Amino acid sequence: MLLDQIIQKKSKMNIQDIRELTTKELVDTYKETRLTLTKMRFQNVISQIEQPHTMGETRRTIARLLGEINKRRIESEMAAFERKSKIEG
């Protein structure tokens, strides 16, 4: 039952919730959600999970998290490039 509660909480994150997280929280949430999906897959192999649709929701949450992580990484790289361009001249 504990796994089901964790799954419900992690799989229901929308994009506004994700954007409000700090970068460290974002990465930590990604790692936890990825681990949750792995546990769900093992649980599903052993015995059918009660709500199999949560696996799809969790995968989509992981995709949203990765999208935001990549967006922030690109913004950071662009800012560093612009700073470097200004210094060089």
Protein backbone atom coordinates (compact mmCIF):
# COMPACT_ATOMS: atom_id res chain seq x y z
CA MET A 1 0.00 0.00 0.00
CA LEU A 2 2.85 2.39 0.73
CA LEU A 3 4.11 2.00 -2.83
CA ASP A 4 0.65 2.91 -4.16
CA GLN A 5 0.62 6.12 -2.09
CA ILE A 6 4.08 7.11 -3.35
CA ILE A 7 3.05 6.33 -6.91
CA GLN A 8 -0.07 8.48 -6.66
CA LYS A 9 1.91 11.46 -5.36
CA LYS A 10 4.78 11.21 -7.84
CA SER A 11 2.75 10.42 -10.94
CA LYS A 12 0.41 13.40 -10.59
CA MET A 13 2.96 16.23 -10.95
CA ASN A 14 1.93 18.81 -13.52
CA ILE A 15 4.19 21.27 -15.32
CA GLN A 16 3.46 24.17 -12.93
CA ASP A 17 4.57 22.06 -9.96
CA ILE A 18 7.72 21.09 -11.82
CA ARG A 19 8.62 24.66 -12.79
CA GLU A 20 8.34 25.80 -9.16
CA LEU A 21 11.03 23.35 -8.03
CA THR A 22 14.64 24.41 -7.59
CA THR A 23 17.17 22.67 -9.81
CA LYS A 24 18.38 20.44 -6.96
CA GLU A 25 14.80 19.50 -6.06
CA LEU A 26 14.11 18.85 -9.74
CA VAL A 27 17.02 16.43 -10.07
CA ASP A 28 16.16 14.71 -6.77
CA THR A 29 12.52 14.35 -7.83
CA TYR A 30 13.64 12.90 -11.17
CA LYS A 31 15.81 10.30 -9.43
CA GLU A 32 13.03 9.36 -6.99
CA THR A 33 10.42 9.14 -9.74
CA ARG A 34 12.72 7.01 -11.89
CA LEU A 35 13.27 4.67 -8.93
CA THR A 36 9.51 4.55 -8.32
CA LEU A 37 8.90 3.54 -11.95
CA THR A 38 11.50 0.78 -11.65
CA LYS A 39 9.80 -0.52 -8.49
CA MET A 40 6.44 -0.36 -10.24
CA ARG A 41 7.76 -2.44 -13.13
CA PHE A 42 9.11 -5.10 -10.78
CA GLN A 43 5.87 -5.09 -8.80
CA ASN A 44 3.90 -5.51 -12.03
CA VAL A 45 6.00 -8.52 -13.05
CA ILE A 46 5.56 -10.22 -9.69
CA SER A 47 1.84 -9.51 -9.37
CA GLN A 48 -0.49 -7.21 -11.23
CA ILE A 49 -0.52 -3.71 -9.72
CA GLU A 50 -3.88 -2.27 -8.78
CA GLN A 51 -3.67 0.78 -11.04
CA PRO A 52 -1.55 -0.04 -14.09
CA HIS A 53 -2.32 3.34 -15.71
CA THR A 54 -0.08 4.99 -13.11
CA MET A 55 2.94 3.54 -14.92
CA GLY A 56 2.08 5.66 -17.96
CA GLU A 57 1.47 8.72 -15.80
CA THR A 58 4.83 8.20 -14.10
CA ARG A 59 6.60 7.90 -17.47
CA ARG A 60 5.01 11.16 -18.58
CA THR A 61 6.07 12.84 -15.33
CA ILE A 62 9.63 11.66 -15.93
CA ALA A 63 9.49 13.13 -19.44
CA ARG A 64 8.25 16.47 -18.03
CA LEU A 65 11.03 16.47 -15.43
CA LEU A 66 13.68 15.73 -18.07
CA GLY A 67 12.26 18.43 -20.32
CA GLU A 68 12.56 21.03 -17.56
CA ILE A 69 16.07 19.83 -16.61
CA ASN A 70 17.21 20.14 -20.23
CA LYS A 71 15.56 23.55 -20.60
CA ARG A 72 17.42 24.85 -17.55
CA ARG A 73 20.70 23.32 -18.75
CA ILE A 74 20.36 25.00 -22.15
CA GLU A 75 19.49 28.35 -20.56
CA SER A 76 22.52 28.07 -18.30
CA GLU A 77 24.82 27.23 -21.21
CA MET A 78 23.46 30.11 -23.28
CA ALA A 79 23.95 32.56 -20.41
CA ALA A 80 27.54 31.34 -19.95
CA PHE A 81 28.20 31.68 -23.68
CA GLU A 82 26.81 35.24 -23.71
CA ARG A 83 28.96 36.19 -20.71
CA LYS A 84 32.02 34.74 -22.40
CA SER A 85 31.23 36.59 -25.64
CA LYS A 86 30.95 39.92 -23.80
CA ILE A 87 34.26 39.41 -22.05
CA GLU A 88 36.13 38.47 -25.23
CA GLY A 89 34.83 41.39 -26.96
